[in-house]
């Protein structure tokens, strides 16, 4: 009976060791995955900021090209500027209310 008990105890010990090794492996894999996720999130945030900056630059360039006098068409440019000023005044009035 003691041989059988000793054998079972050794089997349980071996299985416990195997489970501990698997646990450490899973924890290591999880930690590495969390690091990769953190790195990917940082890259994503950086990309979002870059997209915002580029979008702003595109808007500025659109406005600059709209304000540019093409072929001496000063009247068209004045009209466009007048509309922009009117829109700005409208927004200011709405904010003042």
C-alpha atoms as a PDB file:
ATOM      1  CA  UNK A   1       0.000   0.000   0.000  1.00  0.00           C
ATOM      2  CA  UNK A   2       2.833   2.417   0.772  1.00  0.00           C
ATOM      3  CA  UNK A   3       4.343   1.806  -2.680  1.00  0.00           C
ATOM      4  CA  UNK A   4       1.033   2.657  -4.309  1.00  0.00           C
ATOM      5  CA  UNK A   5       0.715   5.781  -2.141  1.00  0.00           C
ATOM      6  CA  UNK A   6       4.273   6.856  -2.961  1.00  0.00           C
ATOM      7  CA  UNK A   7       3.628   6.319  -6.660  1.00  0.00           C
ATOM      8  CA  UNK A   8       0.482   8.396  -6.576  1.00  0.00           C
ATOM      9  CA  UNK A   9       2.285  11.121  -4.664  1.00  0.00           C
ATOM     10  CA  UNK A  10       5.054  11.161  -7.305  1.00  0.00           C
ATOM     11  CA  UNK A  11       2.456  11.313 -10.076  1.00  0.00           C
ATOM     12  CA  UNK A  12       0.706  14.237  -8.385  1.00  0.00           C
ATOM     13  CA  UNK A  13       4.035  15.982  -7.890  1.00  0.00           C
ATOM     14  CA  UNK A  14       4.979  15.502 -11.547  1.00  0.00           C
ATOM     15  CA  UNK A  15       1.607  16.798 -12.720  1.00  0.00           C
ATOM     16  CA  UNK A  16       1.909  19.786 -10.393  1.00  0.00           C
ATOM     17  CA  UNK A  17       5.325  20.597 -11.836  1.00  0.00           C
ATOM     18  CA  UNK A  18       3.951  20.327 -15.375  1.00  0.00           C
ATOM     19  CA  UNK A  19       1.041  22.608 -14.495  1.00  0.00           C
ATOM     20  CA  UNK A  20       3.416  25.139 -12.938  1.00  0.00           C
ATOM     21  CA  UNK A  21       5.576  25.142 -16.079  1.00  0.00           C
ATOM     22  CA  UNK A  22       2.516  25.642 -18.267  1.00  0.00           C
ATOM     23  CA  UNK A  23       1.294  28.425 -15.982  1.00  0.00           C
ATOM     24  CA  UNK A  24       4.642  30.252 -16.198  1.00  0.00           C
ATOM     25  CA  UNK A  25       4.642  29.831 -19.971  1.00  0.00           C
ATOM     26  CA  UNK A  26       1.119  31.268 -20.253  1.00  0.00           C
ATOM     27  CA  UNK A  27       2.001  34.181 -17.965  1.00  0.00           C
ATOM     28  CA  UNK A  28       5.104  34.923 -20.046  1.00  0.00           C
ATOM     29  CA  UNK A  29       3.080  34.819 -23.262  1.00  0.00           C
ATOM     30  CA  UNK A  30       0.444  37.106 -21.745  1.00  0.00           C
ATOM     31  CA  UNK A  31       3.065  39.622 -20.614  1.00  0.00           C
ATOM     32  CA  UNK A  32       4.622  39.674 -24.078  1.00  0.00           C
ATOM     33  CA  UNK A  33       1.182  40.127 -25.665  1.00  0.00           C
ATOM     34  CA  UNK A  34       0.432  43.027 -23.312  1.00  0.00           C
ATOM     35  CA  UNK A  35       3.735  44.674 -24.254  1.00  0.00           C
ATOM     36  CA  UNK A  36       2.947  44.267 -27.962  1.00  0.00           C
ATOM     37  CA  UNK A  37      -0.539  45.668 -27.379  1.00  0.00           C
ATOM     38  CA  UNK A  38       0.847  48.657 -25.526  1.00  0.00           C
ATOM     39  CA  UNK A  39       3.337  49.283 -28.315  1.00  0.00           C
ATOM     40  CA  UNK A  40       0.598  49.005 -30.951  1.00  0.00           C
ATOM     41  CA  UNK A  41      -1.610  51.414 -28.987  1.00  0.00           C
ATOM     42  CA  UNK A  42       1.244  53.922 -28.803  1.00  0.00           C
ATOM     43  CA  UNK A  43       1.785  53.641 -32.560  1.00  0.00           C
ATOM     44  CA  UNK A  44      -1.943  54.053 -33.168  1.00  0.00           C
ATOM     45  CA  UNK A  45      -2.104  57.186 -31.028  1.00  0.00           C
ATOM     46  CA  UNK A  46       0.920  58.590 -32.835  1.00  0.00           C
ATOM     47  CA  UNK A  47      -0.696  57.844 -36.194  1.00  0.00           C
ATOM     48  CA  UNK A  48      -3.942  59.521 -35.095  1.00  0.00           C
ATOM     49  CA  UNK A  49      -2.062  62.652 -34.066  1.00  0.00           C
ATOM     50  CA  UNK A  50      -0.245  62.667 -37.397  1.00  0.00           C
ATOM     51  CA  UNK A  51      -3.546  62.268 -39.265  1.00  0.00           C
ATOM     52  CA  UNK A  52      -5.034  65.192 -37.331  1.00  0.00           C
ATOM     53  CA  UNK A  53      -2.023  67.363 -38.152  1.00  0.00           C
ATOM     54  CA  UNK A  54      -2.121  66.423 -41.832  1.00  0.00           C
ATOM     55  CA  UNK A  55      -5.871  67.037 -41.966  1.00  0.00           C
ATOM     56  CA  UNK A  56      -5.315  70.494 -40.493  1.00  0.00           C
ATOM     57  CA  UNK A  57      -2.593  71.196 -43.039  1.00  0.00           C
ATOM     58  CA  UNK A  58      -4.877  70.104 -45.881  1.00  0.00           C
ATOM     59  CA  UNK A  59      -7.563  72.476 -44.590  1.00  0.00           C
ATOM     60  CA  UNK A  60      -5.056  75.329 -44.437  1.00  0.00           C
ATOM     61  CA  UNK A  61      -3.879  74.586 -47.955  1.00  0.00           C
ATOM     62  CA  UNK A  62      -7.463  74.498 -49.235  1.00  0.00           C
ATOM     63  CA  UNK A  63      -8.145  77.861 -47.690  1.00  0.00           C
ATOM     64  CA  UNK A  64      -4.894  79.282 -48.996  1.00  0.00           C
ATOM     65  CA  UNK A  65      -5.613  78.045 -52.508  1.00  0.00           C
ATOM     66  CA  UNK A  66      -9.145  79.436 -52.315  1.00  0.00           C
ATOM     67  CA  UNK A  67      -7.759  82.804 -51.274  1.00  0.00           C
ATOM     68  CA  UNK A  68      -5.148  82.821 -54.010  1.00  0.00           C
ATOM     69  CA  UNK A  69      -5.893  85.193 -56.850  1.00  0.00           C
ATOM     70  CA  UNK A  70      -6.139  83.155 -60.026  1.00  0.00           C
ATOM     71  CA  UNK A  71      -5.455  84.924 -63.308  1.00  0.00           C
ATOM     72  CA  UNK A  72      -5.998  88.329 -61.759  1.00  0.00           C
ATOM     73  CA  UNK A  73      -9.576  87.557 -60.697  1.00  0.00           C
ATOM     74  CA  UNK A  74      -9.513  89.930 -57.748  1.00  0.00           C
ATOM     75  CA  UNK A  75     -13.279  90.348 -57.725  1.00  0.00           C
ATOM     76  CA  UNK A  76     -13.804  86.607 -57.204  1.00  0.00           C
ATOM     77  CA  UNK A  77     -11.284  86.619 -54.353  1.00  0.00           C
ATOM     78  CA  UNK A  78     -12.990  89.602 -52.703  1.00  0.00           C
ATOM     79  CA  UNK A  79     -16.334  87.869 -52.950  1.00  0.00           C
ATOM     80  CA  UNK A  80     -14.926  84.731 -51.344  1.00  0.00           C
ATOM     81  CA  UNK A  81     -13.301  86.725 -48.522  1.00  0.00           C
ATOM     82  CA  UNK A  82     -16.528  88.636 -47.966  1.00  0.00           C
ATOM     83  CA  UNK A  83     -18.409  85.348 -47.593  1.00  0.00           C
ATOM     84  CA  UNK A  84     -15.822  84.078 -45.133  1.00  0.00           C
ATOM     85  CA  UNK A  85     -16.057  87.255 -43.047  1.00  0.00           C
ATOM     86  CA  UNK A  86     -19.858  86.992 -43.087  1.00  0.00           C
ATOM     87  CA  UNK A  87     -19.664  83.379 -41.863  1.00  0.00           C
ATOM     88  CA  UNK A  88     -17.209  84.365 -39.108  1.00  0.00           C
ATOM     89  CA  UNK A  89     -19.472  87.212 -37.983  1.00  0.00           C
ATOM     90  CA  UNK A  90     -22.427  84.827 -37.965  1.00  0.00           C
ATOM     91  CA  UNK A  91     -20.492  82.369 -35.749  1.00  0.00           C
ATOM     92  CA  UNK A  92     -19.401  85.142 -33.376  1.00  0.00           C
ATOM     93  CA  UNK A  93     -23.003  86.316 -33.031  1.00  0.00           C
ATOM     94  CA  UNK A  94     -24.153  82.778 -32.254  1.00  0.00           C
ATOM     95  CA  UNK A  95     -21.448  82.424 -29.608  1.00  0.00           C
ATOM     96  CA  UNK A  96     -22.389  85.774 -28.075  1.00  0.00           C
ATOM     97  CA  UNK A  97     -26.012  84.739 -27.573  1.00  0.00           C
END
